[in-house]
Amino acid sequence: MSAIEETKSEIGVQQGSAKAESPSFITRTLNLLSSVRFGVTLLVLLVIGSMIGMLVMQQSVEGFDKYYAQLTPATKLLFGKLGFFDIYHVWYFNVLLLVLSLNIILASIDRAR
């Protein structure tokens, strides 16, 4: 066997062993959840959601009926489907808060060890 073939076979063995040692799904998920970059991304998404809650009048505020009556039917439908009239109680906003809390806890544990 030539030197080139030996090198190719060695590289193939090394690449095969690298593929076999890839981290498990749970390890990758925990690494993502404890990542500071992921936490910053979650914070940006929460800021966007909070800005929507600030700019679109919420249904629990006095004067909502007058505001709602002034909207076009398409806007009413879109905002209603997306949950913008009650953004702080919609499921995806609460999931973002939960995942951010988990991220802060796991990142703190990861940094402490």
C-alpha atoms as a PDB file:
ATOM      1  CA  MET A   1       0.000   0.000   0.000  1.00  0.00           C
ATOM      2  CA  SER A   2       1.293   3.459  -0.883  1.00  0.00           C
ATOM      3  CA  ALA A   3       1.801   6.308   1.557  1.00  0.00           C
ATOM      4  CA  ILE A   4      -1.185   8.174   0.115  1.00  0.00           C
ATOM      5  CA  GLU A   5      -3.498   5.197   0.646  1.00  0.00           C
ATOM      6  CA  GLU A   6      -2.210   4.744   4.204  1.00  0.00           C
ATOM      7  CA  THR A   7      -2.818   8.415   4.945  1.00  0.00           C
ATOM      8  CA  LYS A   8      -6.335   8.232   3.507  1.00  0.00           C
ATOM      9  CA  SER A   9      -7.134   5.159   5.578  1.00  0.00           C
ATOM     10  CA  GLU A  10      -5.740   6.799   8.734  1.00  0.00           C
ATOM     11  CA  ILE A  11      -7.824   9.917   8.092  1.00  0.00           C
ATOM     12  CA  GLY A  12     -10.890   7.748   7.530  1.00  0.00           C
ATOM     13  CA  VAL A  13     -10.285   5.956  10.828  1.00  0.00           C
ATOM     14  CA  GLN A  14      -9.803   9.258  12.645  1.00  0.00           C
ATOM     15  CA  GLN A  15     -12.962  10.745  11.119  1.00  0.00           C
ATOM     16  CA  GLY A  16     -14.919   7.598  11.914  1.00  0.00           C
ATOM     17  CA  SER A  17     -13.864   7.755  15.540  1.00  0.00           C
ATOM     18  CA  ALA A  18     -14.740  11.449  15.707  1.00  0.00           C
ATOM     19  CA  LYS A  19     -18.241  10.715  14.434  1.00  0.00           C
ATOM     20  CA  ALA A  20     -18.694   7.927  16.949  1.00  0.00           C
ATOM     21  CA  GLU A  21     -17.735  10.237  19.837  1.00  0.00           C
ATOM     22  CA  SER A  22     -20.238  12.982  19.046  1.00  0.00           C
ATOM     23  CA  PRO A  23     -22.117  14.163  22.130  1.00  0.00           C
ATOM     24  CA  SER A  24     -25.551  12.771  22.823  1.00  0.00           C
ATOM     25  CA  PHE A  25     -28.778  14.685  22.250  1.00  0.00           C
ATOM     26  CA  ILE A  26     -29.160  15.356  25.971  1.00  0.00           C
ATOM     27  CA  THR A  27     -25.621  16.723  26.234  1.00  0.00           C
ATOM     28  CA  ARG A  28     -26.132  19.015  23.237  1.00  0.00           C
ATOM     29  CA  THR A  29     -29.468  20.210  24.651  1.00  0.00           C
ATOM     30  CA  LEU A  30     -27.951  20.965  28.059  1.00  0.00           C
ATOM     31  CA  ASN A  31     -25.040  22.775  26.411  1.00  0.00           C
ATOM     32  CA  LEU A  32     -27.492  24.908  24.446  1.00  0.00           C
ATOM     33  CA  LEU A  33     -29.649  25.642  27.494  1.00  0.00           C
ATOM     34  CA  SER A  34     -26.607  26.693  29.545  1.00  0.00           C
ATOM     35  CA  SER A  35     -25.208  28.897  26.780  1.00  0.00           C
ATOM     36  CA  VAL A  36     -24.949  32.626  27.433  1.00  0.00           C
ATOM     37  CA  ARG A  37     -25.509  33.323  23.727  1.00  0.00           C
ATOM     38  CA  PHE A  38     -28.812  31.419  23.879  1.00  0.00           C
ATOM     39  CA  GLY A  39     -29.778  33.419  26.975  1.00  0.00           C
ATOM     40  CA  VAL A  40     -29.107  36.700  25.211  1.00  0.00           C
ATOM     41  CA  THR A  41     -31.228  35.522  22.271  1.00  0.00           C
ATOM     42  CA  LEU A  42     -34.075  34.698  24.657  1.00  0.00           C
ATOM     43  CA  LEU A  43     -33.753  38.128  26.266  1.00  0.00           C
ATOM     44  CA  VAL A  44     -34.001  39.809  22.855  1.00  0.00           C
ATOM     45  CA  LEU A  45     -37.141  37.798  22.044  1.00  0.00           C
ATOM     46  CA  LEU A  46     -38.665  38.771  25.391  1.00  0.00           C
ATOM     47  CA  VAL A  47     -37.862  42.430  24.760  1.00  0.00           C
ATOM     48  CA  ILE A  48     -39.615  42.201  21.389  1.00  0.00           C
ATOM     49  CA  GLY A  49     -42.644  40.583  23.028  1.00  0.00           C
ATOM     50  CA  SER A  50     -42.695  43.230  25.759  1.00  0.00           C
ATOM     51  CA  MET A  51     -42.494  45.992  23.148  1.00  0.00           C
ATOM     52  CA  ILE A  52     -45.497  44.473  21.388  1.00  0.00           C
ATOM     53  CA  GLY A  53     -47.321  44.468  24.728  1.00  0.00           C
ATOM     54  CA  MET A  54     -46.419  48.118  25.211  1.00  0.00           C
ATOM     55  CA  LEU A  55     -47.369  49.264  21.703  1.00  0.00           C
ATOM     56  CA  VAL A  56     -50.572  47.225  21.254  1.00  0.00           C
ATOM     57  CA  MET A  57     -53.199  48.052  23.861  1.00  0.00           C
ATOM     58  CA  GLN A  58     -53.898  45.086  26.103  1.00  0.00           C
ATOM     59  CA  GLN A  59     -57.444  43.877  26.721  1.00  0.00           C
ATOM     60  CA  SER A  60     -57.180  44.402  30.480  1.00  0.00           C
ATOM     61  CA  VAL A  61     -56.597  48.157  30.077  1.00  0.00           C
ATOM     62  CA  GLU A  62     -59.380  50.716  30.362  1.00  0.00           C
ATOM     63  CA  GLY A  63     -60.345  52.033  26.936  1.00  0.00           C
ATOM     64  CA  PHE A  64     -59.578  48.790  25.127  1.00  0.00           C
ATOM     65  CA  ASP A  65     -63.089  48.580  23.638  1.00  0.00           C
ATOM     66  CA  LYS A  66     -62.711  51.974  21.955  1.00  0.00           C
ATOM     67  CA  TYR A  67     -59.236  51.040  20.673  1.00  0.00           C
ATOM     68  CA  TYR A  68     -60.509  47.686  19.394  1.00  0.00           C
ATOM     69  CA  ALA A  69     -63.416  49.306  17.552  1.00  0.00           C
ATOM     70  CA  GLN A  70     -60.991  51.555  15.628  1.00  0.00           C
ATOM     71  CA  LEU A  71     -58.954  48.642  14.239  1.00  0.00           C
ATOM     72  CA  THR A  72     -59.536  47.175  10.800  1.00  0.00           C
ATOM     73  CA  PRO A  73     -61.005  43.650  10.624  1.00  0.00           C
ATOM     74  CA  ALA A  74     -57.728  42.286   9.254  1.00  0.00           C
ATOM     75  CA  THR A  75     -55.747  43.816  12.131  1.00  0.00           C
ATOM     76  CA  LYS A  76     -58.247  42.467  14.655  1.00  0.00           C
ATOM     77  CA  LEU A  77     -57.927  38.988  13.167  1.00  0.00           C
ATOM     78  CA  LEU A  78     -54.122  39.051  12.955  1.00  0.00           C
ATOM     79  CA  PHE A  79     -53.541  40.472  16.424  1.00  0.00           C
ATOM     80  CA  GLY A  80     -56.154  38.143  17.894  1.00  0.00           C
ATOM     81  CA  LYS A  81     -54.618  35.026  16.324  1.00  0.00           C
ATOM     82  CA  LEU A  82     -51.115  36.038  17.464  1.00  0.00           C
ATOM     83  CA  GLY A  83     -52.344  36.838  20.971  1.00  0.00           C
ATOM     84  CA  PHE A  84     -51.119  40.443  20.864  1.00  0.00           C
ATOM     85  CA  PHE A  85     -54.125  41.740  22.855  1.00  0.00           C
ATOM     86  CA  ASP A  86     -53.024  39.686  25.877  1.00  0.00           C
ATOM     87  CA  ILE A  87     -49.328  39.131  25.129  1.00  0.00           C
ATOM     88  CA  TYR A  88     -48.258  38.620  28.739  1.00  0.00           C
ATOM     89  CA  HIS A  89     -50.585  35.627  29.137  1.00  0.00           C
ATOM     90  CA  VAL A  90     -50.119  33.980  25.738  1.00  0.00           C
ATOM     91  CA  TRP A  91     -48.473  30.542  25.788  1.00  0.00           C
ATOM     92  CA  TYR A  92     -45.316  31.391  23.798  1.00  0.00           C
ATOM     93  CA  PHE A  93     -44.444  34.385  26.006  1.00  0.00           C
ATOM     94  CA  ASN A  94     -44.730  32.185  29.095  1.00  0.00           C
ATOM     95  CA  VAL A  95     -42.598  29.473  27.440  1.00  0.00           C
ATOM     96  CA  LEU A  96     -39.919  32.088  26.698  1.00  0.00           C
ATOM     97  CA  LEU A  97     -39.944  33.116  30.365  1.00  0.00           C
ATOM     98  CA  LEU A  98     -39.687  29.500  31.484  1.00  0.00           C
ATOM     99  CA  VAL A  99     -36.819  28.670  29.120  1.00  0.00           C
ATOM    100  CA  LEU A 100     -34.980  31.870  30.113  1.00  0.00           C
ATOM    101  CA  SER A 101     -35.327  30.920  33.787  1.00  0.00           C
ATOM    102  CA  LEU A 102     -33.975  27.460  33.031  1.00  0.00           C
ATOM    103  CA  ASN A 103     -31.143  29.017  31.020  1.00  0.00           C
ATOM    104  CA  ILE A 104     -30.131  31.303  33.893  1.00  0.00           C
ATOM    105  CA  ILE A 105     -30.146  28.423  36.380  1.00  0.00           C
ATOM    106  CA  LEU A 106     -28.149  26.066  34.128  1.00  0.00           C
ATOM    107  CA  ALA A 107     -25.670  28.772  33.084  1.00  0.00           C
ATOM    108  CA  SER A 108     -25.108  29.643  36.745  1.00  0.00           C
ATOM    109  CA  ILE A 109     -24.495  25.996  37.631  1.00  0.00           C
ATOM    110  CA  ASP A 110     -22.191  25.571  34.623  1.00  0.00           C
ATOM    111  CA  ARG A 111     -20.150  28.660  35.542  1.00  0.00           C
ATOM    112  CA  ALA A 112     -19.955  27.687  39.212  1.00  0.00           C
ATOM    113  CA  ARG A 113     -18.275  24.336  38.617  1.00  0.00           C
END
